[in-house]
Amino acid sequence: MILYSPPAGIRQQGIIHGSFPQVFAFNHRLKIIATGVFSPCRSAFPGAIRAWKGAPTVFSVASVRYRVGLLTLTAPLDIIMLTNAHRYLLTLISFVCGLSIYPLPASAVPFGSFDPRAMAMGGAGVAAGDSANAVFFNPSLLAQYQTRKHRARNSHFVFPVSSVSASQTAVDIADLARDQPEQVFSDAIATYNANPGQTTAAGVLNASRALQNDLRPIANESVFFDGLFGLVIGIGDRREGGAFVLSRRFVGDGIVNETAADEQLLADYIEALDFIVSAGASGAPHPELFDAGGNLLDQTGSLTSTATAKGLALTELGIAMSWNVELFHHTVDVGFTPKFVQGSTYEYTAVLANSQQSSASLEDPDWHFTLDVGLSKAMNDRFKVGVVVKNLLPMAFATQSGGRINIEPQLRAGAAYRSAQWGYWALDLDVLTNPAIGDGDDTRYLSLGGEWPLKRWRLRGGYKQNFAGRGGFAKWTLTAGIGYDFTAGNIDLAYIDSGPERAAALQVSSRF
């Protein structure tokens, strides 16, 4: 189908007739505004354009506006006409470099990279996915297989697709709960009171320093965690494709709240025990830490530093569909994933120095229906671009404390390039900032990754940067992974142990 054709007065030779601007209103949601600008091409990808025979010219610059509820998208559109139009007609839709977003609420969850291939490539997949993971990134990629060679056995049954990621702070909190340094501190105090002396005082001193060293690195740091387990059946083809997905995801974030009183109390213990061990040469006496009988008081129960978190447990059941369509006189791939989402909210608070003092609440699940919409274009055999809007229909989940966690549309754009010498490269960008669920970091990721074939092996690496979190440019992460292709399918692994994140992913798929 042809959704838009240029005004009849526009000629390939650059002769423009008719009045401008012209507004083409297809309905109350979609408008295209042609301004009638005529100039030599200075648009995106000039090198790629110059590679074509003939001199390209821009005969019109249009503005495309689309509205869904509170969501209004505006994108400039350069329509390129080549002099040898009998062979080539190139339309560049500048979603990445010219997308403008009017004020709207953004999603309260990060975009996420669930399968190991994308995770290892920095989280990039909007233009680089295949039938095994397109349902997570961009459903339109299911129809991206242009030749019989590319689409041969490109249908996948994937089970499991699994991933888990967490901030280093979350890992440190888990270590704290496992090692229980507060219990070691209490035991050292009991040992000292049973047998006072410099040796037992040194044990208390070491235990208090260990507890202080465990709490300081995570003080006032953000926490996040994200895990997914599911299965995918994906069928990719030349003109159409489809996929089924069933997944369970746990995602949340929070913050560590260290109190000044806790920091001061531990500092006082260290000074008091140092005073005893050094026989008064250093430290300070701090008599308030001892009772009338000279016993050292155990005040670990008065430590109040906490970790708080909010999150969602989401079950998604979706069916993705993708087709080749004629858009702006060119074939593009459009995909949709209608999905049912069951979600429960949870809230958690724990006292860091007392693993027994914690509370959690879980709200009954709610059901919602939403939709992912994707668009992609293979510019040639090597270069692809794509854009996706996930959760186009907003969702809201109630919490037991009376609040709500909202999931609003997520917008991401991407590009991918395949080189015979340099492998496969992909770049993604979150166009919107995704606010944190709780008190954690907002997210807006730039993802860059590559894949290099080595016979049956696939070596992958990447980089991602969160521009919206605390610390700004400090929140960068390096990623890595491998894949192995065998006759019936493939196995993929990814691992992250860099920057603020720790993550791993495993996927086993069979082709049919």
Protein backbone atom coordinates (compact mmCIF):
# COMPACT_ATOMS: atom_id res chain seq x y z
CA MET A 1 0.00 0.00 0.00
CA ILE A 2 1.13 3.59 -0.68
CA LEU A 3 0.59 5.84 2.31
CA TYR A 4 1.99 9.04 0.79
CA SER A 5 2.99 10.28 -2.66
CA PRO A 6 4.62 13.65 -3.42
CA PRO A 7 2.53 16.48 -4.90
CA ALA A 8 2.00 16.00 -8.62
CA GLY A 9 3.69 19.32 -9.40
CA ILE A 10 7.07 18.07 -8.24
CA ARG A 11 9.23 16.84 -11.10
CA GLN A 12 12.38 14.77 -11.08
CA GLN A 13 14.25 17.55 -12.90
CA GLY A 14 13.75 19.85 -9.91
CA ILE A 15 10.88 21.94 -11.33
CA ILE A 16 8.46 22.65 -8.50
CA HIS A 17 4.93 23.78 -9.25
CA GLY A 18 2.11 24.58 -6.85
CA SER A 19 1.93 26.50 -3.61
CA PHE A 20 3.77 25.46 -0.44
CA PRO A 21 3.56 24.54 2.36
CA GLN A 22 1.00 21.85 1.71
CA VAL A 23 -0.66 19.83 4.50
CA PHE A 24 -1.74 16.26 3.83
CA ALA A 25 -4.06 15.21 6.67
CA PHE A 26 -4.75 11.49 6.46
CA ASN A 27 -6.84 11.49 9.63
CA HIS A 28 -7.03 13.31 12.96
CA ARG A 29 -3.79 11.64 14.06
CA LEU A 30 -1.46 11.70 11.04
CA LYS A 31 -0.38 14.78 9.09
CA ILE A 32 2.42 15.35 6.56
CA ILE A 33 3.51 18.92 5.85
CA ALA A 34 5.51 19.58 2.62
CA THR A 35 7.53 22.80 2.71
CA GLY A 36 8.74 22.80 -0.90
CA VAL A 37 12.43 23.26 -0.11
CA PHE A 38 14.65 22.56 -3.13
CA SER A 39 18.42 22.29 -2.64
CA PRO A 40 21.44 20.05 -3.26
CA CYS A 41 21.46 17.18 -0.85
CA ARG A 42 23.11 18.00 2.49
CA SER A 43 21.14 15.40 4.36
CA ALA A 44 22.18 12.40 6.44
CA PHE A 45 24.51 9.79 4.96
CA PRO A 46 25.93 11.99 2.15
CA GLY A 47 28.66 9.50 1.40
CA ALA A 48 26.14 6.74 0.79
CA ILE A 49 24.12 9.05 -1.46
CA ARG A 50 27.14 10.13 -3.51
CA ALA A 51 27.90 6.49 -4.16
CA TRP A 52 24.78 6.34 -6.32
CA LYS A 53 25.09 7.26 -10.00
CA GLY A 54 23.69 10.69 -10.78
CA ALA A 55 23.37 13.88 -8.79
CA PRO A 56 20.85 13.62 -5.94
CA THR A 57 18.68 16.58 -5.03
CA VAL A 58 16.19 17.21 -2.27
CA PHE A 59 12.92 18.27 -3.87
CA SER A 60 10.89 18.50 -0.66
CA VAL A 61 11.37 18.60 3.08
CA ALA A 62 8.36 17.42 5.00
CA SER A 63 7.29 17.24 8.61
CA VAL A 64 5.46 14.12 9.75
CA ARG A 65 3.28 14.38 12.84
CA TYR A 66 1.52 11.52 14.57
CA ARG A 67 -0.54 11.67 17.74
CA VAL A 68 -1.65 8.85 20.07
CA GLY A 69 -3.33 10.19 23.20
CA LEU A 70 -0.73 12.33 24.97
CA LEU A 71 2.02 11.08 22.65
CA THR A 72 2.90 13.41 19.76
CA LEU A 73 5.82 12.53 17.48
CA THR A 74 7.25 14.96 14.96
CA ALA A 75 9.97 13.92 12.51
CA PRO A 76 11.51 15.81 9.59
CA LEU A 77 11.49 13.85 6.36
CA ASP A 78 13.91 14.37 3.48
CA ILE A 79 12.61 12.97 0.20
CA ILE A 80 15.52 12.34 -2.14
CA MET A 81 15.08 12.15 -5.94
CA LEU A 82 17.95 10.81 -8.05
CA THR A 83 18.47 11.77 -11.69
CA ASN A 84 18.59 8.11 -12.73
CA ALA A 85 15.22 7.53 -11.08
CA HIS A 86 14.43 4.69 -13.45
CA ARG A 87 16.90 2.64 -11.39
CA TYR A 88 16.97 4.11 -7.90
CA LEU A 89 14.67 6.08 -5.65
CA LEU A 90 15.98 6.71 -2.15
CA THR A 91 13.89 7.98 0.76
CA LEU A 92 15.72 8.75 4.00
CA ILE A 93 13.55 9.07 7.08
CA SER A 94 15.67 10.84 9.69
CA PHE A 95 14.18 9.26 12.79
CA VAL A 96 17.47 9.31 14.67
CA CYS A 97 18.97 12.69 13.81
CA GLY A 98 15.77 14.69 13.53
CA LEU A 99 13.26 13.20 15.93
CA SER A 100 11.57 15.73 18.19
CA ILE A 101 9.46 14.69 21.14
CA TYR A 102 6.87 16.94 22.71
CA PRO A 103 6.35 16.70 26.50
CA LEU A 104 4.98 13.30 27.44
CA PRO A 105 5.42 10.83 30.28
CA ALA A 106 8.13 8.25 29.74
CA SER A 107 8.38 4.66 30.87
CA ALA A 108 9.26 3.79 34.45
CA VAL A 109 11.31 0.76 33.40
CA PRO A 110 14.56 0.58 31.41
CA PHE A 111 14.41 -0.65 27.82
CA GLY A 112 16.33 -3.77 28.76
CA SER A 113 18.53 -6.18 26.80
CA PHE A 114 17.38 -9.72 27.49
CA ASP A 115 18.99 -12.05 24.99
CA PRO A 116 22.75 -12.68 25.17
CA ARG A 117 23.49 -11.53 21.62
CA ALA A 118 22.13 -8.04 22.22
CA MET A 119 23.47 -7.88 25.78
CA ALA A 120 26.97 -8.72 24.54
CA MET A 121 26.68 -5.99 21.88
CA GLY A 122 26.02 -3.27 24.43
CA GLY A 123 22.25 -3.72 24.32
CA ALA A 124 21.89 -2.77 20.63
CA GLY A 125 19.20 -4.61 18.69
CA VAL A 126 16.61 -2.24 17.17
CA ALA A 127 18.17 -2.67 13.71
CA ALA A 128 20.33 -5.73 14.38
CA GLY A 129 17.91 -8.33 15.72
CA ASP A 130 16.89 -11.63 14.15
CA SER A 131 13.90 -13.93 14.55
CA ALA A 132 15.28 -15.16 17.87
CA ASN A 133 15.17 -11.74 19.56
CA ALA A 134 13.26 -9.36 17.28
CA VAL A 135 10.19 -9.67 19.49
CA PHE A 136 12.15 -7.99 22.32
CA PHE A 137 13.65 -5.18 20.23
CA ASN A 138 11.79 -4.49 16.99
CA PRO A 139 9.11 -6.79 15.57
CA SER A 140 9.57 -5.39 12.05
CA LEU A 141 12.92 -7.22 11.79
CA LEU A 142 11.03 -10.49 11.33
CA ALA A 143 10.49 -9.50 7.67
CA GLN A 144 14.04 -8.29 7.01
CA TYR A 145 15.40 -11.33 5.20
CA GLN A 146 15.81 -10.08 1.65
CA THR A 147 17.25 -13.15 -0.07
CA ARG A 148 16.79 -16.88 0.15
CA LYS A 149 20.32 -17.20 1.55
CA HIS A 150 19.57 -14.81 4.39
CA ARG A 151 16.27 -16.35 5.35
CA ALA A 152 17.25 -20.00 5.03
CA ARG A 153 16.30 -21.75 8.25
CA ASN A 154 15.86 -18.44 9.97
CA SER A 155 13.01 -19.65 12.15
CA HIS A 156 13.94 -20.28 15.75
CA PHE A 157 12.59 -22.05 18.79
CA VAL A 158 14.33 -20.43 21.74
CA PHE A 159 14.24 -21.93 25.23
CA PRO A 160 15.45 -20.74 27.49
CA VAL A 161 16.13 -17.10 26.87
CA SER A 162 17.35 -15.93 30.24
CA SER A 163 19.21 -12.98 31.63
CA VAL A 164 19.94 -11.34 34.94
CA SER A 165 21.58 -8.00 35.60
CA ALA A 166 22.14 -5.96 38.73
CA SER A 167 24.10 -2.97 39.87
CA GLN A 168 27.32 -3.49 41.78
CA THR A 169 25.56 -1.93 44.76
CA ALA A 170 22.90 -4.65 44.67
CA VAL A 171 25.64 -7.28 44.58
CA ASP A 172 27.33 -5.62 47.57
CA ILE A 173 24.05 -5.63 49.52
CA ALA A 174 23.60 -9.33 48.78
CA ASP A 175 27.16 -9.97 50.01
CA LEU A 176 26.39 -7.97 53.13
CA ALA A 177 23.33 -10.11 53.87
CA ARG A 178 25.33 -13.29 53.30
CA ASP A 179 28.43 -12.37 55.31
CA GLN A 180 26.52 -10.65 58.14
CA PRO A 181 29.39 -8.39 59.29
CA GLU A 182 27.08 -6.92 61.95
CA GLN A 183 26.86 -10.38 63.54
CA VAL A 184 30.66 -10.69 63.44
CA PHE A 185 30.83 -7.29 65.15
CA SER A 186 28.35 -8.37 67.87
CA ASP A 187 30.24 -11.63 68.46
CA ALA A 188 33.52 -9.71 68.80
CA ILE A 189 31.92 -7.43 71.42
CA ALA A 190 30.68 -10.48 73.36
CA THR A 191 34.17 -12.03 73.21
CA TYR A 192 35.73 -8.80 74.51
CA ASN A 193 33.26 -8.53 77.40
CA ALA A 194 33.97 -12.15 78.38
CA ASN A 195 37.73 -11.57 78.36
CA PRO A 196 38.69 -7.86 78.25
CA GLY A 197 42.14 -7.09 76.91
CA GLN A 198 44.09 -5.68 74.02
CA THR A 199 43.82 -8.87 71.97
CA THR A 200 40.03 -9.13 72.16
CA ALA A 201 39.75 -5.35 71.75
CA ALA A 202 41.70 -5.70 68.50
CA GLY A 203 39.07 -8.20 67.35
CA VAL A 204 36.31 -5.65 67.96
CA LEU A 205 38.38 -2.96 66.24
CA ASN A 206 38.84 -5.11 63.13
CA ALA A 207 35.15 -6.07 63.06
CA SER A 208 34.01 -2.45 63.37
CA ARG A 209 36.34 -1.37 60.57
CA ALA A 210 35.10 -4.23 58.38
CA LEU A 211 31.48 -3.16 58.93
CA GLN A 212 32.35 0.45 58.17
CA ASN A 213 34.22 -0.58 55.00
CA ASP A 214 31.22 -2.63 53.87
CA LEU A 215 28.76 0.25 54.33
CA ARG A 216 30.78 3.17 52.97
CA PRO A 217 31.02 2.11 49.29
CA ILE A 218 27.25 1.66 48.98
CA ALA A 219 26.20 4.74 50.97
CA ASN A 220 23.59 6.74 49.02
CA GLU A 221 24.22 4.68 45.88
CA SER A 222 21.42 3.64 43.54
CA VAL A 223 20.38 0.00 43.12
CA PHE A 224 18.86 -1.76 40.13
CA PHE A 225 18.06 -5.33 39.18
CA ASP A 226 16.50 -6.87 36.09
CA GLY A 227 15.92 -10.50 35.23
CA LEU A 228 14.00 -12.36 32.55
CA PHE A 229 13.18 -15.97 31.74
CA GLY A 230 11.10 -17.03 28.76
CA LEU A 231 10.67 -18.75 25.44
CA VAL A 232 10.35 -17.46 21.88
CA ILE A 233 9.15 -19.04 18.66
CA GLY A 234 10.21 -16.77 15.80
CA ILE A 235 9.57 -17.18 12.07
CA GLY A 236 11.48 -14.78 9.83
CA ASP A 237 10.92 -14.50 6.08
CA ARG A 238 11.34 -12.18 3.12
CA ARG A 239 7.97 -10.43 3.09
CA GLU A 240 6.38 -11.32 6.40
CA GLY A 241 7.22 -12.89 9.70
CA GLY A 242 5.81 -13.72 13.08
CA ALA A 243 6.80 -14.68 16.59
CA PHE A 244 5.32 -15.89 19.85
CA VAL A 245 6.80 -14.88 23.20
CA LEU A 246 6.07 -15.86 26.78
CA SER A 247 8.30 -14.32 29.43
CA ARG A 248 8.55 -13.52 33.11
CA ARG A 249 10.49 -10.41 34.10
CA PHE A 250 11.49 -8.99 37.48
CA VAL A 251 12.70 -5.39 37.37
CA GLY A 252 13.19 -2.74 40.02
CA ASP A 253 15.45 -0.12 41.51
CA GLY A 254 16.10 1.73 44.73
CA ILE A 255 18.70 3.47 46.83
CA VAL A 256 20.84 2.95 49.93
CA ASN A 257 20.14 5.47 52.67
CA GLU A 258 23.06 5.65 55.10
CA THR A 259 22.41 7.84 58.12
CA ALA A 260 25.00 10.20 59.58
CA ALA A 261 24.28 8.71 63.01
CA ASP A 262 25.39 5.26 61.84
CA GLU A 263 28.60 6.62 60.35
CA GLN A 264 29.36 8.50 63.56
CA LEU A 265 28.58 5.50 65.79
CA LEU A 266 30.98 3.23 63.91
CA ALA A 267 33.65 5.95 63.95
CA ASP A 268 33.22 6.22 67.74
CA TYR A 269 33.63 2.45 68.18
CA ILE A 270 36.82 2.53 66.10
CA GLU A 271 38.26 5.38 68.17
CA ALA A 272 37.30 3.70 71.47
CA LEU A 273 38.82 0.34 70.56
CA ASP A 274 41.91 1.96 69.04
CA PHE A 275 42.37 3.77 72.36
CA ILE A 276 42.36 0.43 74.21
CA VAL A 277 44.59 -1.43 71.74
CA SER A 278 47.17 1.38 71.64
CA ALA A 279 47.08 1.84 75.42
CA GLY A 280 45.95 5.43 74.99
CA ALA A 281 48.51 6.37 72.31
CA SER A 282 45.76 6.99 69.72
CA GLY A 283 42.01 7.06 69.49
CA ALA A 284 39.65 8.42 72.16
CA PRO A 285 38.04 6.82 75.25
CA HIS A 286 34.29 7.31 74.46
CA PRO A 287 32.91 6.30 77.88
CA GLU A 288 29.33 6.46 76.52
CA LEU A 289 30.01 3.14 74.76
CA PHE A 290 30.59 1.34 78.09
CA ASP A 291 28.20 0.52 80.93
CA ALA A 292 28.89 1.08 84.63
CA GLY A 293 30.61 -2.31 84.89
CA GLY A 294 33.05 -1.52 82.09
CA ASN A 295 31.36 -3.76 79.54
CA LEU A 296 31.33 -2.59 75.93
CA LEU A 297 27.77 -1.91 74.80
CA ASP A 298 26.48 -3.67 71.69
CA GLN A 299 24.58 -1.00 69.75
CA THR A 300 24.30 -2.75 66.40
CA GLY A 301 20.54 -2.80 66.94
CA SER A 302 20.50 1.00 66.77
CA LEU A 303 22.04 1.12 63.28
CA THR A 304 19.30 2.42 60.96
CA SER A 305 20.83 2.69 57.47
CA THR A 306 18.46 1.08 54.98
CA ALA A 307 18.11 -0.08 51.40
CA THR A 308 14.73 0.61 49.80
CA ALA A 309 13.47 -0.67 46.47
CA LYS A 310 10.37 -0.81 44.29
CA GLY A 311 9.79 -3.16 41.43
CA LEU A 312 7.53 -5.04 39.08
CA ALA A 313 7.00 -8.72 38.37
CA LEU A 314 5.74 -8.85 34.78
CA THR A 315 4.42 -11.77 32.75
CA GLU A 316 4.10 -11.03 29.03
CA LEU A 317 2.27 -13.05 26.41
CA GLY A 318 2.60 -11.62 22.91
CA ILE A 319 2.33 -12.44 19.22
CA ALA A 320 4.49 -10.40 16.85
CA MET A 321 3.62 -9.80 13.19
CA SER A 322 5.68 -8.13 10.47
CA TRP A 323 5.11 -7.26 6.81
CA ASN A 324 6.74 -5.50 3.89
CA VAL A 325 4.67 -2.44 3.02
CA GLU A 326 4.98 0.35 0.50
CA LEU A 327 5.69 3.54 2.44
CA PHE A 328 6.76 6.77 0.73
CA HIS A 329 7.16 4.80 -2.53
CA HIS A 330 9.62 2.41 -0.92
CA THR A 331 9.44 -0.97 0.70
CA VAL A 332 9.87 -0.87 4.45
CA ASP A 333 9.16 -3.42 7.15
CA VAL A 334 6.49 -2.71 9.73
CA GLY A 335 5.88 -4.88 12.78
CA PHE A 336 3.43 -5.07 15.66
CA THR A 337 3.43 -7.03 18.88
CA PRO A 338 0.05 -7.05 20.63
CA LYS A 339 0.62 -8.42 24.12
CA PHE A 340 -1.12 -9.12 27.39
CA VAL A 341 0.81 -8.11 30.49
CA GLN A 342 0.18 -9.30 34.04
CA GLY A 343 2.02 -7.22 36.62
CA SER A 344 2.49 -7.19 40.37
CA THR A 345 4.28 -4.48 42.30
CA TYR A 346 6.50 -5.01 45.30
CA GLU A 347 8.16 -2.71 47.81
CA TYR A 348 11.10 -3.72 49.97
CA THR A 349 12.97 -2.14 52.86
CA ALA A 350 15.91 -3.68 54.71
CA VAL A 351 18.15 -2.47 57.53
CA LEU A 352 21.65 -2.97 56.17
CA ALA A 353 23.32 -3.77 59.48
CA ASN A 354 20.59 -6.17 60.61
CA SER A 355 19.60 -8.85 58.15
CA GLN A 356 16.65 -9.80 60.37
CA GLN A 357 15.00 -6.38 60.05
CA SER A 358 13.35 -6.22 56.65
CA SER A 359 9.87 -5.78 55.26
CA ALA A 360 8.31 -6.53 51.89
CA SER A 361 4.89 -6.03 50.38
CA LEU A 362 3.43 -7.55 47.21
CA GLU A 363 0.32 -6.21 45.50
CA ASP A 364 -2.17 -8.46 43.72
CA PRO A 365 -1.58 -8.69 39.96
CA ASP A 366 -3.30 -6.51 37.36
CA TRP A 367 -3.86 -7.39 33.70
CA HIS A 368 -3.24 -4.93 30.87
CA PHE A 369 -3.14 -4.95 27.08
CA THR A 370 -0.49 -2.99 25.19
CA LEU A 371 1.32 -2.90 21.87
CA ASP A 372 4.84 -2.61 20.47
CA VAL A 373 5.24 -1.00 17.04
CA GLY A 374 8.43 -1.14 14.96
CA LEU A 375 9.66 0.14 11.62
CA SER A 376 12.86 -0.81 9.80
CA LYS A 377 14.41 -0.23 6.41
CA ALA A 378 17.21 -2.10 4.67
CA MET A 379 18.95 0.71 2.78
CA ASN A 380 21.08 -1.86 0.96
CA ASP A 381 22.60 -5.29 1.63
CA ARG A 382 24.80 -3.84 4.38
CA PHE A 383 23.00 -0.98 6.09
CA LYS A 384 19.73 -1.02 8.06
CA VAL A 385 17.91 1.51 10.21
CA GLY A 386 15.05 0.98 12.61
CA VAL A 387 12.85 2.60 15.21
CA VAL A 388 10.50 1.07 17.76
CA VAL A 389 7.90 2.28 20.23
CA LYS A 390 7.34 -0.23 23.02
CA ASN A 391 4.30 -0.20 25.30
CA LEU A 392 2.41 2.20 23.04
CA LEU A 393 -0.64 1.87 25.30
CA PRO A 394 0.34 3.02 28.82
CA MET A 395 -0.08 0.76 31.84
CA ALA A 396 -0.35 1.54 35.57
CA PHE A 397 0.10 -0.85 38.49
CA ALA A 398 -0.99 -0.07 42.05
CA THR A 399 1.29 -0.53 45.07
CA GLN A 400 0.27 -1.51 48.59
CA SER A 401 1.45 1.86 49.90
CA GLY A 402 -1.18 3.60 47.76
CA GLY A 403 1.11 4.70 44.93
CA ARG A 404 1.30 3.64 41.30
CA ILE A 405 4.05 2.46 39.00
CA ASN A 406 3.45 3.63 35.43
CA ILE A 407 4.80 2.08 32.25
CA GLU A 408 4.58 4.58 29.41
CA PRO A 409 5.80 4.39 25.79
CA GLN A 410 9.50 3.71 25.23
CA LEU A 411 11.08 5.08 22.06
CA ARG A 412 14.39 3.80 20.70
CA ALA A 413 16.13 4.17 17.33
CA GLY A 414 18.96 2.14 15.88
CA ALA A 415 21.19 1.40 12.92
CA ALA A 416 23.21 -1.63 11.86
CA TYR A 417 26.02 -2.13 9.34
CA ARG A 418 27.48 -5.37 8.01
CA SER A 419 31.05 -5.42 6.68
CA ALA A 420 32.85 -8.37 5.14
CA GLN A 421 36.13 -7.22 6.72
CA TRP A 422 34.98 -5.69 10.01
CA GLY A 423 32.02 -7.80 11.09
CA TYR A 424 28.57 -6.62 12.12
CA TRP A 425 28.06 -3.32 13.94
CA ALA A 426 24.99 -1.92 15.67
CA LEU A 427 24.09 1.36 17.36
CA ASP A 428 20.98 2.13 19.47
CA LEU A 429 19.80 5.24 21.31
CA ASP A 430 16.95 5.75 23.76
CA VAL A 431 15.21 8.84 22.43
CA LEU A 432 13.30 9.24 25.70
CA THR A 433 14.63 9.24 29.25
CA ASN A 434 13.02 6.44 31.25
CA PRO A 435 12.40 7.51 34.87
CA ALA A 436 13.31 5.14 37.68
CA ILE A 437 10.64 2.94 39.26
CA GLY A 438 11.69 3.95 42.76
CA ASP A 439 14.59 6.10 43.93
CA GLY A 440 17.15 4.61 41.56
CA ASP A 441 18.73 6.07 38.45
CA ASP A 442 16.80 7.24 35.42
CA THR A 443 18.00 5.57 32.22
CA ARG A 444 18.74 6.79 28.72
CA TYR A 445 21.19 4.48 27.01
CA LEU A 446 23.49 4.82 24.05
CA SER A 447 24.46 1.29 22.99
CA LEU A 448 27.22 0.32 20.57
CA GLY A 449 28.33 -3.19 19.74
CA GLY A 450 29.95 -5.48 17.23
CA GLU A 451 29.90 -9.13 16.21
CA TRP A 452 32.76 -10.93 14.48
CA PRO A 453 32.29 -14.37 12.86
CA LEU A 454 35.03 -16.96 13.28
CA LYS A 455 33.90 -20.15 11.51
CA ARG A 456 31.14 -21.47 13.79
CA TRP A 457 31.92 -19.03 16.58
CA ARG A 458 30.63 -15.50 17.05
CA LEU A 459 32.70 -13.11 19.13
CA ARG A 460 30.83 -10.09 20.46
CA GLY A 461 31.67 -6.95 22.35
CA GLY A 462 30.07 -3.65 23.14
CA TYR A 463 29.74 -0.51 25.16
CA LYS A 464 26.77 1.28 26.69
CA GLN A 465 26.42 4.63 28.39
CA ASN A 466 23.62 5.85 30.64
CA PHE A 467 23.35 9.61 30.14
CA ALA A 468 20.51 10.07 32.62
CA GLY A 469 21.77 8.44 35.82
CA ARG A 470 23.64 9.85 38.77
CA GLY A 471 27.20 10.50 37.75
CA GLY A 472 26.32 11.12 34.09
CA PHE A 473 29.20 9.98 31.89
CA ALA A 474 30.63 7.89 34.74
CA LYS A 475 27.85 5.32 34.19
CA TRP A 476 29.48 3.40 31.34
CA THR A 477 29.69 -0.36 30.89
CA LEU A 478 31.71 -2.71 28.68
CA THR A 479 30.02 -5.91 27.48
CA ALA A 480 31.20 -9.18 25.96
CA GLY A 481 29.87 -12.52 24.82
CA ILE A 482 30.19 -15.48 22.48
CA GLY A 483 27.94 -17.61 20.31
CA TYR A 484 28.36 -21.03 18.79
CA ASP A 485 26.44 -22.23 15.72
CA PHE A 486 25.83 -25.92 15.28
CA THR A 487 23.78 -27.81 12.74
CA ALA A 488 20.49 -27.67 14.59
CA GLY A 489 20.79 -24.29 16.27
CA ASN A 490 23.05 -22.16 18.40
CA ILE A 491 24.06 -21.34 21.97
CA ASP A 492 24.76 -17.78 23.07
CA LEU A 493 26.35 -16.42 26.24
CA ALA A 494 26.95 -12.90 27.51
CA TYR A 495 28.73 -11.57 30.57
CA ILE A 496 29.17 -8.11 32.05
CA ASP A 497 31.53 -7.28 34.89
CA SER A 498 32.33 -3.65 34.20
CA GLY A 499 31.43 -0.22 35.51
CA PRO A 500 28.28 -0.15 37.65
CA GLU A 501 26.73 -3.38 36.30
CA ARG A 502 27.05 -7.13 36.71
CA ALA A 503 25.08 -9.31 34.29
CA ALA A 504 24.90 -12.65 32.51
CA ALA A 505 22.65 -14.18 29.88
CA LEU A 506 22.14 -17.62 28.32
CA GLN A 507 20.12 -18.61 25.28
CA VAL A 508 19.68 -21.96 23.55
CA SER A 509 17.83 -21.99 20.23
CA SER A 510 17.08 -24.50 17.51
CA ARG A 511 16.45 -23.60 13.87
CA PHE A 512 13.67 -24.99 11.76
